C-alpha atoms as a PDB file:
ATOM      1  CA  MET A   1       0.122  -0.307  -0.143  1.00  0.00           C
ATOM      2  CA  SER A   2       2.744   2.357   0.874  1.00  0.00           C
ATOM      3  CA  GLN A   3       4.223   1.989  -2.561  1.00  0.00           C
ATOM      4  CA  MET A   4       1.004   2.587  -4.481  1.00  0.00           C
ATOM      5  CA  LYS A   5       1.289   6.233  -2.096  1.00  0.00           C
ATOM      6  CA  GLY A   6       4.497   6.911  -3.307  1.00  0.00           C
ATOM      7  CA  ALA A   7       3.770   6.409  -6.522  1.00  0.00           C
ATOM      8  CA  ILE A   8       0.999   8.431  -6.269  1.00  0.00           C
ATOM      9  CA  PHE A   9       2.768  11.130  -4.653  1.00  0.00           C
ATOM     10  CA  ALA A  10       5.281  10.980  -7.314  1.00  0.00           C
ATOM     11  CA  MET A  11       3.278  11.537 -10.045  1.00  0.00           C
ATOM     12  CA  ALA A  12       1.713  14.429  -8.068  1.00  0.00           C
ATOM     13  CA  VAL A  13       4.943  15.700  -7.924  1.00  0.00           C
ATOM     14  CA  PHE A  14       5.620  15.356 -11.522  1.00  0.00           C
ATOM     15  CA  VAL A  15       2.265  16.463 -12.617  1.00  0.00           C
ATOM     16  CA  GLY A  16       2.217  19.503 -10.519  1.00  0.00           C
ATOM     17  CA  VAL A  17       6.023  20.701 -10.879  1.00  0.00           C
ATOM     18  CA  VAL A  18       7.901  19.264 -13.218  1.00  0.00           C
ATOM     19  CA  ILE A  19       5.210  20.120 -16.252  1.00  0.00           C
ATOM     20  CA  PRO A  20       4.374  23.244 -15.624  1.00  0.00           C
ATOM     21  CA  PHE A  21       8.003  24.203 -14.882  1.00  0.00           C
ATOM     22  CA  PHE A  22       8.784  22.707 -19.258  1.00  0.00           C
ATOM     23  CA  LEU A  23       5.710  24.333 -20.575  1.00  0.00           C
ATOM     24  CA  MET A  24       6.666  28.163 -19.154  1.00  0.00           C
ATOM     25  CA  MET A  25      10.589  27.457 -20.986  1.00  0.00           C
ATOM     26  CA  GLY A  26       8.837  25.969 -23.804  1.00  0.00           C
ATOM     27  CA  ILE A  27       6.603  28.895 -24.364  1.00  0.00           C
ATOM     28  CA  GLY A  28       8.860  31.777 -22.951  1.00  0.00           C
ATOM     29  CA  SER A  29      11.389  30.078 -25.637  1.00  0.00           C
ATOM     30  CA  LEU A  30       9.161  30.147 -28.714  1.00  0.00           C
ATOM     31  CA  HIS A  31       8.287  34.171 -27.712  1.00  0.00           C
ATOM     32  CA  GLN A  32      11.380  34.660 -27.152  1.00  0.00           C
ATOM     33  CA  HIS A  33      12.816  33.695 -30.203  1.00  0.00           C
ATOM     34  CA  ALA A  34      10.128  34.783 -32.520  1.00  0.00           C
ATOM     35  CA  PHE A  35      10.643  38.384 -31.114  1.00  0.00           C
ATOM     36  CA  LEU A  36      14.026  38.106 -32.175  1.00  0.00           C
ATOM     37  CA  LYS A  37      13.460  36.943 -35.387  1.00  0.00           C
ATOM     38  CA  THR A  38      10.711  39.912 -35.795  1.00  0.00           C
ATOM     39  CA  THR A  39      13.298  42.137 -34.671  1.00  0.00           C
ATOM     40  CA  THR A  40      15.941  41.322 -37.005  1.00  0.00           C
ATOM     41  CA  GLU A  41      13.522  41.020 -40.023  1.00  0.00           C
ATOM     42  CA  LEU A  42      12.398  44.401 -39.311  1.00  0.00           C
ATOM     43  CA  SER A  43      15.783  46.138 -39.044  1.00  0.00           C
ATOM     44  CA  GLU A  44      16.569  44.743 -42.526  1.00  0.00           C
ATOM     45  CA  LEU A  45      13.583  45.554 -44.025  1.00  0.00           C
ATOM     46  CA  VAL A  46      13.808  49.256 -42.424  1.00  0.00           C
ATOM     47  CA  LYS A  47      17.907  49.130 -44.214  1.00  0.00           C
ATOM     48  CA  GLU A  48      16.748  47.773 -47.477  1.00  0.00           C
ATOM     49  CA  GLU A  49      13.921  50.575 -48.093  1.00  0.00           C
ATOM     50  CA  GLY A  50      16.404  53.479 -46.925  1.00  0.00           C
ATOM     51  CA  GLY A  51      13.712  54.376 -43.555  1.00  0.00           C
ATOM     52  CA  VAL A  52      10.172  54.232 -42.363  1.00  0.00           C
ATOM     53  CA  SER A  53       8.689  53.563 -45.775  1.00  0.00           C
ATOM     54  CA  GLU A  54       4.860  52.721 -46.263  1.00  0.00           C
ATOM     55  CA  LYS A  55       5.826  49.126 -46.668  1.00  0.00           C
ATOM     56  CA  VAL A  56       7.562  49.787 -43.382  1.00  0.00           C
ATOM     57  CA  ASN A  57       4.444  50.918 -41.757  1.00  0.00           C
ATOM     58  CA  GLN A  58       1.794  47.950 -43.106  1.00  0.00           C
ATOM     59  CA  VAL A  59       4.470  45.791 -41.666  1.00  0.00           C
ATOM     60  CA  VAL A  60       4.655  47.201 -38.331  1.00  0.00           C
ATOM     61  CA  ASP A  61       0.767  47.574 -38.454  1.00  0.00           C
ATOM     62  CA  GLN A  62       0.463  43.610 -38.813  1.00  0.00           C
ATOM     63  CA  LEU A  63       2.836  43.211 -35.737  1.00  0.00           C
ATOM     64  CA  GLY A  64       0.819  45.818 -33.610  1.00  0.00           C
ATOM     65  CA  ASP A  65      -2.467  43.171 -34.216  1.00  0.00           C
ATOM     66  CA  ARG A  66       0.011  40.467 -32.559  1.00  0.00           C
ATOM     67  CA  GLY A  67       0.943  42.060 -29.682  1.00  0.00           C
ATOM     68  CA  TYR A  68       4.079  44.308 -30.910  1.00  0.00           C
ATOM     69  CA  SER A  69       4.627  47.833 -30.065  1.00  0.00           C
ATOM     70  CA  ILE A  70       7.067  49.249 -32.729  1.00  0.00           C
ATOM     71  CA  SER A  71       8.402  53.169 -32.233  1.00  0.00           C
ATOM     72  CA  PHE A  72      11.133  55.169 -34.559  1.00  0.00           C
ATOM     73  CA  SER A  73      13.297  57.937 -33.668  1.00  0.00           C
ATOM     74  CA  LYS A  74      13.014  59.051 -37.292  1.00  0.00           C
ATOM     75  CA  THR A  75      10.293  58.715 -39.820  1.00  0.00           C
ATOM     76  CA  GLY A  76       9.953  58.634 -43.573  1.00  0.00           C
ATOM     77  CA  ILE A  77      12.863  57.967 -45.785  1.00  0.00           C
ATOM     78  CA  VAL A  78      16.174  59.249 -44.739  1.00  0.00           C
ATOM     79  CA  GLU A  79      19.535  60.258 -46.197  1.00  0.00           C
ATOM     80  CA  PHE A  80      22.290  57.480 -46.392  1.00  0.00           C
ATOM     81  CA  GLY A  81      24.579  57.105 -43.848  1.00  0.00           C
ATOM     82  CA  GLU A  82      21.615  58.328 -41.097  1.00  0.00           C
ATOM     83  CA  GLU A  83      20.874  55.914 -38.070  1.00  0.00           C
ATOM     84  CA  ILE A  84      16.931  55.283 -37.250  1.00  0.00           C
ATOM     85  CA  ALA A  85      16.936  53.739 -33.723  1.00  0.00           C
ATOM     86  CA  ILE A  86      14.072  51.019 -33.670  1.00  0.00           C
ATOM     87  CA  TYR A  87      12.144  50.385 -30.065  1.00  0.00           C
ATOM     88  CA  TYR A  88       9.950  47.484 -29.431  1.00  0.00           C
ATOM     89  CA  HIS A  89       7.798  46.020 -26.857  1.00  0.00           C
ATOM     90  CA  TYR A  90       6.230  42.852 -27.113  1.00  0.00           C
ATOM     91  CA  GLU A  91       3.409  41.591 -24.705  1.00  0.00           C
ATOM     92  CA  TYR A  92       2.336  37.705 -24.517  1.00  0.00           C
ATOM     93  CA  LYS A  93       0.330  35.725 -22.190  1.00  0.00           C
ATOM     94  CA  GLY A  94       2.895  32.954 -20.197  1.00  0.00           C
ATOM     95  CA  VAL A  95       2.240  30.227 -18.074  1.00  0.00           C
ATOM     96  CA  ARG A  96       2.047  32.857 -15.350  1.00  0.00           C
ATOM     97  CA  GLY A  97       0.407  35.654 -16.695  1.00  0.00           C
ATOM     98  CA  VAL A  98       1.381  38.672 -19.417  1.00  0.00           C
ATOM     99  CA  GLU A  99       4.765  38.758 -20.053  1.00  0.00           C
ATOM    100  CA  GLU A 100       6.546  41.466 -21.752  1.00  0.00           C
ATOM    101  CA  LEU A 101       9.429  41.947 -23.532  1.00  0.00           C
ATOM    102  CA  ASN A 102      11.961  44.867 -24.755  1.00  0.00           C
ATOM    103  CA  THR A 103      14.378  46.111 -26.403  1.00  0.00           C
ATOM    104  CA  SER A 104      16.053  48.750 -29.244  1.00  0.00           C
ATOM    105  CA  ASN A 105      18.618  48.743 -31.906  1.00  0.00           C
ATOM    106  CA  THR A 106      20.037  50.884 -34.200  1.00  0.00           C
ATOM    107  CA  VAL A 107      19.981  50.619 -38.201  1.00  0.00           C
ATOM    108  CA  THR A 108      22.794  52.825 -40.400  1.00  0.00           C
ATOM    109  CA  ILE A 109      20.671  53.689 -43.643  1.00  0.00           C
ATOM    110  CA  ALA A 110      22.923  52.067 -46.419  1.00  0.00           C
ATOM    111  CA  LYS A 111      20.536  53.192 -49.537  1.00  0.00           C
ATOM    112  CA  ARG A 112      20.948  55.963 -51.672  1.00  0.00           C
ATOM    113  CA  ASN A 113      17.775  57.436 -52.194  1.00  0.00           C
ATOM    114  CA  SER A 114      16.913  58.834 -55.769  1.00  0.00           C
ATOM    115  CA  GLY A 115      15.348  62.606 -55.551  1.00  0.00           C
END
């Protein structure tokens, strides 16, 4: 009988501690990976477009529907060699409630704009 109680206790600890821990780590890891991928791709898009173009604004609007809040230090197309700082804020629902990720990066424009 005590072996049965031990097995039930071990199963309860596994279900109550181990599984939620792995869920928390897995969900957090997936969101962090997606967040880093988004920041990298948006930075490349700003660099390729030569600034915050209409295409960049459309992507930012689409990301806003997914929980991202993105702002730029300069708007519009800028001159070659100028820097634009991009600020990212992302909220998602994790195991323990709403989680937040924040970061920023700087993009140096490498596209000469014809004008």
